[in-house]
Amino acid sequence: MTINRANVSAIAEDLYVWLPPKRGWGLANCGLLASETTALWIDTPYDPSLAGEFLAASRRLLPAGVEVDRVVVTHANGDHLWGAGVLPDAEVIATREALEHIHWEPTPQQQHALVTTSDPDSPLGGYLREHFGVFDWSTAEAVRPDTVFTGELELTVGRYPVQITSLPAAHTGGDLMVHLPHQRAVFTGDVIFSSTPEQPGDHPSHWAGPLENVIGACERALATGAEIFVPGHGPVLDRAGVREHIGYLGYVRERAHALQAAGIPALDAARRVIAERRHPELGLPERLVLTIAAEYRHLDGSAAPGVLEAMGQVALVARELAEDGARPPRPRTARN
């Protein structure tokens, strides 16, 4: 996989984003804030190869002698964190709660082994190879934040202020958003998975919740007065786009609450919401399994499953959808 330089583009003064050329698991948006003396990344690509390409693209945009010396990570999922390994001298900044989420996920080496040695004929093994086999973590090392905080953190990048706000548990238990007042921009991380008619996106996958907190995080982003919103995945949005996403989240929340009250198990509730096809333009509908299960846990107090158990349910529903013809299966590919 190669970053197309045309996808590293300016969206405001000295602010650039890499928008992956397609949708799917692991293809997170990344930001670069440049100045005459220093530079900041907001999130990183998933594996060392992609991160190295984003670093090369970043350096082409920076004045001579300026390096990326800080990385703000909106949450601790690997597709936003692990690429920081290509910047071994940079300060990595995240919320204190993000440290706990790191312990819940596999390391890059564990994930590489899991993807490359899994049984491709099993639902989980086939799903992992299909969606994660294009990434290569064989040389990746685990990344841990150097600086953690709670509440608010203010930085400067050259003359530009950077306001970082930790959020209540939403997409994960350690989310934050980055507000750049001069650029009138907010990087929301994965509290938003965006979609537009011109560039359809994917269904969100929320691990923590509740959805009330995800909606609240979107509203906090709007409350900054910003005009540009860079989601964790999908196209850049304006204020109307964020409001439309809040409408999507409200729909999923309402259906989850109604189905839980009717005694429908979480996995069957996800199947029912998928079958309603309220948003047929969105890809990866099986990810509703994760979001609805998380919402159920806040309603019934059940314990969170391990990541492999949760992904096993996602893979099972994806196979059901493929067999039913709801979406065509993709070819299975792997890169070792």
Foldseek 3Di string as FASTA:
>chain_A
DAQDLVQFDDDFVQKTKRADPAAAPLRWMKMWRADQAEIEIEFAAQAQVRRVRVLVSNVVVYDPPYHHAEYEFQAQDRRGPQNCVVVVRHAYEFAPQRVVVVVQDDFLCVLQCCQVVPDCPALLNVVSLAGPQVHDHNPTGGDDGPYHHAAWDWDDHHPWIKIKGWFPQALHRTGIKIATVVRLEIEREQLDAFADPVHGYADGARQADDLVRSLVSLVVSVVVVGQWYRYGHDDIDGNVRSVVRSVVSVVLLVQLVVCVVVVHDLLVSLVVVVVVPPPVSHPLSLSSSRNSVNNVCVVPVDDRDRPSVSSSSSSVVVVVCCVVVVDPDDDRHHDD
